[in-house]
Amino acid sequence: MKKKAKNARKAKKAEKTISAKNARCGRLLKGFRSRNEWSQKTPAGDVGVATRTWSRWEQGTRFPETDRLQKIATYLRVPVCRICCDEAWQCPRQMQQPGQ
């Protein structure tokens, strides 16, 4: 019984970590969009996703797939790590270059 409780706590902690990263990514995407005075439809269409998908990313309920991260980075002219990493030092070197 203790093992199940321990596993449940680990799963909940991992879920909180994922949620925090999704929320951070969402705030960043919304910030870029707001600064450029775009509706969600504009960047969503330009990176090839539905407006609802972009909305879910901004809300932090979903996180972009790897291939979409690259498209978003290229579109926003920022390194991929700016979107998905908490700190630059956490990113692999190749993710620190602006999207291409």
Protein backbone atom coordinates (compact mmCIF):
# COMPACT_ATOMS: atom_id res chain seq x y z
CA MET A 1 0.00 0.00 0.00
CA LYS A 2 2.84 2.43 0.79
CA LYS A 3 4.36 1.80 -2.62
CA LYS A 4 1.13 2.82 -4.36
CA ALA A 5 0.93 6.01 -2.31
CA LYS A 6 4.56 6.83 -3.10
CA ASN A 7 4.00 6.24 -6.82
CA ALA A 8 0.87 8.41 -6.71
CA ARG A 9 2.84 11.25 -5.07
CA LYS A 10 5.57 10.95 -7.71
CA ALA A 11 3.00 11.05 -10.50
CA LYS A 12 1.30 14.09 -8.99
CA LYS A 13 4.64 15.90 -8.62
CA ALA A 14 5.54 15.13 -12.26
CA GLU A 15 2.12 16.37 -13.36
CA LYS A 16 2.63 19.66 -11.50
CA THR A 17 6.04 20.10 -13.16
CA ILE A 18 4.55 19.49 -16.60
CA SER A 19 1.67 21.86 -15.85
CA ALA A 20 4.10 24.58 -14.75
CA LYS A 21 6.12 24.23 -17.96
CA ASN A 22 2.96 24.26 -20.07
CA ALA A 23 1.76 27.39 -18.26
CA ARG A 24 5.14 29.09 -18.76
CA CYS A 25 5.11 28.26 -22.46
CA GLY A 26 1.53 29.52 -22.72
CA ARG A 27 2.35 32.83 -21.06
CA LEU A 28 5.28 33.30 -23.40
CA LEU A 29 3.23 32.54 -26.54
CA LYS A 30 0.45 34.85 -25.39
CA GLY A 31 2.99 37.58 -24.61
CA PHE A 32 4.51 37.41 -28.10
CA ARG A 33 1.06 37.46 -29.65
CA SER A 34 -0.16 40.36 -27.51
CA ARG A 35 2.93 42.47 -28.16
CA ASN A 36 2.37 42.08 -31.88
CA GLU A 37 -1.37 42.75 -31.49
CA TRP A 38 -2.28 39.50 -33.24
CA SER A 39 -5.44 37.49 -32.75
CA GLN A 40 -4.84 33.79 -32.03
CA LYS A 41 -5.86 33.07 -35.61
CA THR A 42 -2.81 34.85 -37.06
CA PRO A 43 0.04 32.84 -35.52
CA ALA A 44 -2.02 29.64 -35.53
CA GLY A 45 -2.57 29.86 -39.28
CA ASP A 46 1.03 30.81 -39.94
CA VAL A 47 2.42 27.78 -38.07
CA GLY A 48 -0.24 25.46 -39.49
CA VAL A 49 -2.46 24.65 -36.51
CA ALA A 50 -6.08 25.31 -35.61
CA THR A 51 -6.86 28.41 -33.58
CA ARG A 52 -8.17 26.09 -30.84
CA THR A 53 -4.79 24.35 -30.68
CA TRP A 54 -2.99 27.68 -30.28
CA SER A 55 -5.50 28.61 -27.58
CA ARG A 56 -4.78 25.39 -25.68
CA TRP A 57 -1.06 26.10 -25.85
CA GLU A 58 -1.63 29.58 -24.42
CA GLN A 59 -3.87 28.20 -21.68
CA GLY A 60 -1.22 25.66 -20.75
CA THR A 61 -3.50 22.68 -21.25
CA ARG A 62 -1.36 21.39 -24.12
CA PHE A 63 2.27 21.72 -25.20
CA PRO A 64 3.41 21.97 -28.85
CA GLU A 65 4.94 18.91 -30.48
CA THR A 66 8.65 19.10 -31.30
CA ASP A 67 8.14 19.88 -34.99
CA ARG A 68 5.68 22.64 -34.09
CA LEU A 69 8.14 24.12 -31.58
CA GLN A 70 10.61 24.62 -34.41
CA LYS A 71 7.96 26.26 -36.59
CA ILE A 72 6.88 28.53 -33.74
CA ALA A 73 10.48 29.50 -33.00
CA THR A 74 11.11 30.30 -36.65
CA TYR A 75 7.89 32.30 -36.86
CA LEU A 76 8.66 34.27 -33.69
CA ARG A 77 12.38 34.52 -34.55
CA VAL A 78 13.47 33.17 -31.17
CA PRO A 79 15.46 30.10 -30.09
CA VAL A 80 13.38 27.00 -29.35
CA CYS A 81 14.72 27.01 -25.79
CA ARG A 82 13.09 30.41 -25.24
CA ILE A 83 9.74 28.68 -25.67
CA CYS A 84 10.27 25.40 -23.84
CA CYS A 85 13.06 25.75 -21.26
CA ASP A 86 12.88 27.51 -17.91
CA GLU A 87 16.46 28.73 -18.20
CA ALA A 88 18.88 28.89 -21.13
CA TRP A 89 21.39 26.69 -19.30
CA GLN A 90 18.84 23.84 -19.36
CA CYS A 91 18.72 23.77 -23.15
CA PRO A 92 20.89 21.70 -25.43
CA ARG A 93 23.27 23.93 -27.42
CA GLN A 94 21.46 23.37 -30.75
CA MET A 95 18.21 24.67 -29.22
CA GLN A 96 19.81 27.98 -28.25
CA GLN A 97 19.98 29.25 -31.85
CA PRO A 98 17.05 31.16 -33.36
CA GLY A 99 14.61 29.01 -35.34
CA GLN A 100 15.63 28.44 -38.93
